[in-house]
Every structure is written in C-alpha cells, then in structure tokens.
Amino acid sequence: MNIDQQLAAAEARLTQLQHRLVEYASDADERGRIYDKIRATRREIDRLSNLQPTN
C-alpha cells in the first residue's frame, strides 16, 4: 500500500472507532480501550501525513 492508501485506511479505522465509542458510551472499560485505539490511530495518521510529499 502506498502512503495515500495507508492514510485512507487509518482514517476509516478512526471513523469506525468513533462510532464504536458512541455504541459503548455506558461501558467505561470498553470506552477506555477505544480511546487508546483512537489515540494510536491519530498518531499513525499524523505520522503518515508527515511522510506525504508536499508540492
């Protein structure tokens, strides 16, 4: 996968995690796990964004 595809996949995962967060709003333990995954995915998006060439 190229950087654009990896970035698109990470952004799609972030959207899915955000939806899961709403689904598990009343479960504090699961919410914590989802927040950890969201943070990791955001870091990955930042890393991939920095790898993209600028024009």
C-alpha atoms as a PDB file:
ATOM      1  CA  MET A   1       0.000   0.000   0.000  1.00  0.00           C
ATOM      2  CA  ASN A   2       1.222   3.485  -0.723  1.00  0.00           C
ATOM      3  CA  ILE A   3       1.063   6.307   1.818  1.00  0.00           C
ATOM      4  CA  ASP A   4      -2.242   7.663   0.475  1.00  0.00           C
ATOM      5  CA  GLN A   5      -3.876   4.250   0.811  1.00  0.00           C
ATOM      6  CA  GLN A   6      -2.467   3.734   4.302  1.00  0.00           C
ATOM      7  CA  LEU A   7      -3.702   7.163   5.330  1.00  0.00           C
ATOM      8  CA  ALA A   8      -7.183   6.470   3.933  1.00  0.00           C
ATOM      9  CA  ALA A   9      -7.290   3.136   5.783  1.00  0.00           C
ATOM     10  CA  ALA A  10      -6.226   4.765   9.063  1.00  0.00           C
ATOM     11  CA  GLU A  11      -8.852   7.494   8.652  1.00  0.00           C
ATOM     12  CA  ALA A  12     -11.507   4.825   8.013  1.00  0.00           C
ATOM     13  CA  ARG A  13     -10.413   2.972  11.178  1.00  0.00           C
ATOM     14  CA  LEU A  14     -10.645   6.219  13.135  1.00  0.00           C
ATOM     15  CA  THR A  15     -14.213   6.751  11.920  1.00  0.00           C
ATOM     16  CA  GLN A  16     -15.132   3.180  12.912  1.00  0.00           C
ATOM     17  CA  LEU A  17     -13.598   3.661  16.356  1.00  0.00           C
ATOM     18  CA  GLN A  18     -15.528   6.892  16.842  1.00  0.00           C
ATOM     19  CA  HIS A  19     -18.761   5.053  16.018  1.00  0.00           C
ATOM     20  CA  ARG A  20     -17.848   2.277  18.465  1.00  0.00           C
ATOM     21  CA  LEU A  21     -17.231   4.909  21.126  1.00  0.00           C
ATOM     22  CA  VAL A  22     -20.841   6.060  20.770  1.00  0.00           C
ATOM     23  CA  GLU A  23     -22.083   2.453  20.932  1.00  0.00           C
ATOM     24  CA  TYR A  24     -20.174   1.785  24.167  1.00  0.00           C
ATOM     25  CA  ALA A  25     -20.882   5.110  25.844  1.00  0.00           C
ATOM     26  CA  SER A  26     -22.136   3.430  29.018  1.00  0.00           C
ATOM     27  CA  ASP A  27     -19.227   0.939  29.349  1.00  0.00           C
ATOM     28  CA  ALA A  28     -16.285   2.771  30.958  1.00  0.00           C
ATOM     29  CA  ASP A  29     -13.791  -0.088  30.468  1.00  0.00           C
ATOM     30  CA  GLU A  30     -14.554  -0.505  26.770  1.00  0.00           C
ATOM     31  CA  ARG A  31     -14.561   3.281  26.315  1.00  0.00           C
ATOM     32  CA  GLY A  32     -11.044   3.402  27.748  1.00  0.00           C
ATOM     33  CA  ARG A  33      -9.839   0.718  25.342  1.00  0.00           C
ATOM     34  CA  ILE A  34     -11.440   2.536  22.413  1.00  0.00           C
ATOM     35  CA  TYR A  35      -9.862   5.846  23.459  1.00  0.00           C
ATOM     36  CA  ASP A  36      -6.449   4.129  23.491  1.00  0.00           C
ATOM     37  CA  LYS A  37      -7.039   2.820  19.968  1.00  0.00           C
ATOM     38  CA  ILE A  38      -8.230   6.267  18.831  1.00  0.00           C
ATOM     39  CA  ARG A  39      -5.063   7.892  20.195  1.00  0.00           C
ATOM     40  CA  ALA A  40      -2.872   5.297  18.478  1.00  0.00           C
ATOM     41  CA  THR A  41      -4.741   5.737  15.197  1.00  0.00           C
ATOM     42  CA  ARG A  42      -4.417   9.523  15.377  1.00  0.00           C
ATOM     43  CA  ARG A  43      -0.662   9.139  15.936  1.00  0.00           C
ATOM     44  CA  GLU A  44      -0.494   6.868  12.901  1.00  0.00           C
ATOM     45  CA  ILE A  45      -2.425   9.422  10.816  1.00  0.00           C
ATOM     46  CA  ASP A  46      -0.038  12.171  11.940  1.00  0.00           C
ATOM     47  CA  ARG A  47       2.980  10.002  11.087  1.00  0.00           C
ATOM     48  CA  LEU A  48       1.618   9.129   7.652  1.00  0.00           C
ATOM     49  CA  SER A  49       0.664  12.743   6.969  1.00  0.00           C
ATOM     50  CA  ASN A  50       4.245  13.784   7.691  1.00  0.00           C
ATOM     51  CA  LEU A  51       5.528  11.217   5.191  1.00  0.00           C
ATOM     52  CA  GLN A  52       3.475  12.643   2.352  1.00  0.00           C
ATOM     53  CA  PRO A  53       5.437  14.795  -0.049  1.00  0.00           C
ATOM     54  CA  THR A  54       4.494  18.455  -0.190  1.00  0.00           C
ATOM     55  CA  ASN A  55       4.032  20.190  -3.524  1.00  0.00           C
END
